[in-house]
Amino acid sequence: MIFPTKIELIGSTLSILWNDNSENYFESEFLRTASPSAQNIGEKDIFGNQYGGQGPKNFPNVQILSWDFIGNYAIKLKFSDGHSTGIYSWQYLKNLKPSTLLS
């Protein structure tokens, strides 16, 4: 199981050191755009109808203010634009690359 051994904010970049000794660096704006929240990507009801997710897709100058751990599996980031509902699982962050936002 992948999990972080160290998380720190360096300027506007979130640095994550993983238990496999690899590292990821994410700019605040990128993580805000990649938020897996229903507000950001929407959600579907049982009939397949999409709700939400039509908001802005770029967030210039947004900053990470703080974060909370969600159990042993995720982190919830708090951004300067007030957004704080995305739960970023360790696996989601480990696999997150700029190309994943193009789909």
Protein backbone atom coordinates (compact mmCIF):
# COMPACT_ATOMS: atom_id res chain seq x y z
CA MET A 1 0.00 0.00 0.00
CA ILE A 2 1.32 3.41 -0.95
CA PHE A 3 1.31 6.20 1.63
CA PRO A 4 3.25 9.40 2.25
CA THR A 5 6.05 9.60 4.77
CA LYS A 6 6.36 13.39 4.52
CA ILE A 7 4.11 16.15 3.20
CA GLU A 8 5.15 19.78 3.14
CA LEU A 9 4.24 23.00 1.42
CA ILE A 10 7.15 24.72 -0.29
CA GLY A 11 5.88 28.08 -1.49
CA SER A 12 2.92 27.17 -3.69
CA THR A 13 4.11 23.58 -4.24
CA LEU A 14 2.93 20.57 -2.25
CA SER A 15 5.79 18.11 -1.85
CA ILE A 16 5.02 14.46 -1.05
CA LEU A 17 7.64 11.87 -0.17
CA TRP A 18 6.20 8.35 -0.52
CA ASN A 19 7.05 5.18 1.37
CA ASP A 20 8.65 3.80 -1.83
CA ASN A 21 11.10 6.77 -1.67
CA SER A 22 9.62 8.43 -4.75
CA GLU A 23 8.52 12.07 -4.65
CA ASN A 24 5.78 14.15 -6.22
CA TYR A 25 5.58 17.92 -6.48
CA PHE A 26 2.23 19.55 -7.22
CA GLU A 27 1.55 23.23 -7.81
CA SER A 28 -1.45 24.57 -5.88
CA GLU A 29 -3.30 25.61 -9.06
CA PHE A 30 -2.85 22.13 -10.55
CA LEU A 31 -4.23 20.41 -7.43
CA ARG A 32 -7.20 22.78 -7.32
CA THR A 33 -7.97 21.97 -10.97
CA ALA A 34 -7.56 18.25 -10.23
CA SER A 35 -9.84 18.30 -7.19
CA PRO A 36 -11.89 15.08 -7.16
CA SER A 37 -14.81 16.86 -5.47
CA ALA A 38 -18.39 16.70 -6.73
CA GLN A 39 -18.30 20.49 -6.98
CA ASN A 40 -15.36 20.29 -9.36
CA ILE A 41 -16.05 17.15 -11.43
CA GLY A 42 -19.76 16.73 -10.78
CA GLU A 43 -21.63 13.64 -9.70
CA LYS A 44 -24.21 11.32 -11.22
CA ASP A 45 -27.50 10.20 -9.74
CA ILE A 46 -28.77 6.62 -10.02
CA PHE A 47 -30.24 7.41 -13.45
CA GLY A 48 -26.91 8.67 -14.82
CA ASN A 49 -27.86 12.36 -14.80
CA GLN A 50 -24.83 14.60 -14.26
CA TYR A 51 -25.01 17.37 -11.66
CA GLY A 52 -22.34 20.00 -11.07
CA GLY A 53 -18.86 20.07 -12.48
CA GLN A 54 -19.49 22.94 -14.88
CA GLY A 55 -17.57 25.52 -12.87
CA PRO A 56 -14.27 27.15 -13.78
CA LYS A 57 -11.49 24.80 -14.86
CA ASN A 58 -8.54 27.02 -14.01
CA PHE A 59 -7.76 28.72 -10.76
CA PRO A 60 -5.02 31.32 -11.20
CA ASN A 61 -3.10 32.31 -8.11
CA VAL A 62 -4.97 29.94 -5.80
CA GLN A 63 -2.88 28.72 -2.85
CA ILE A 64 -3.07 25.76 -0.50
CA LEU A 65 -3.72 27.13 2.97
CA SER A 66 -3.72 23.89 4.96
CA TRP A 67 -4.76 20.25 4.90
CA ASP A 68 -6.35 17.57 7.02
CA PHE A 69 -5.72 13.85 6.91
CA ILE A 70 -8.72 11.67 6.13
CA GLY A 71 -8.15 8.38 7.93
CA ASN A 72 -5.07 6.58 6.67
CA TYR A 73 -5.97 6.87 3.01
CA ALA A 74 -6.31 10.51 1.92
CA ILE A 75 -5.81 14.21 2.43
CA LYS A 76 -8.30 17.08 2.19
CA LEU A 77 -6.78 20.34 0.98
CA LYS A 78 -8.02 23.81 1.90
CA PHE A 79 -7.50 26.41 -0.83
CA SER A 80 -7.41 30.21 -0.74
CA ASP A 81 -10.55 30.40 -2.94
CA GLY A 82 -12.55 28.65 -0.20
CA HIS A 83 -12.61 25.20 -1.81
CA SER A 84 -12.09 22.38 0.68
CA THR A 85 -14.34 19.49 -0.31
CA GLY A 86 -12.00 17.40 -2.48
CA ILE A 87 -10.65 14.24 -0.87
CA TYR A 88 -7.38 13.24 -2.53
CA SER A 89 -6.63 9.57 -1.87
CA TRP A 90 -3.00 8.51 -1.73
CA GLN A 91 -3.50 6.39 -4.84
CA TYR A 92 -5.12 9.31 -6.70
CA LEU A 93 -2.18 11.59 -5.86
CA LYS A 94 0.42 8.94 -6.66
CA ASN A 95 -1.08 8.49 -10.13
CA LEU A 96 -1.87 12.17 -10.76
CA LYS A 97 -0.04 13.72 -13.71
CA PRO A 98 -0.91 16.75 -15.87
CA SER A 99 -2.05 14.45 -18.69
CA THR A 100 -4.78 12.95 -16.44
CA LEU A 101 -6.63 16.28 -16.56
CA LEU A 102 -6.98 16.21 -20.34
CA SER A 103 -9.62 13.46 -20.40
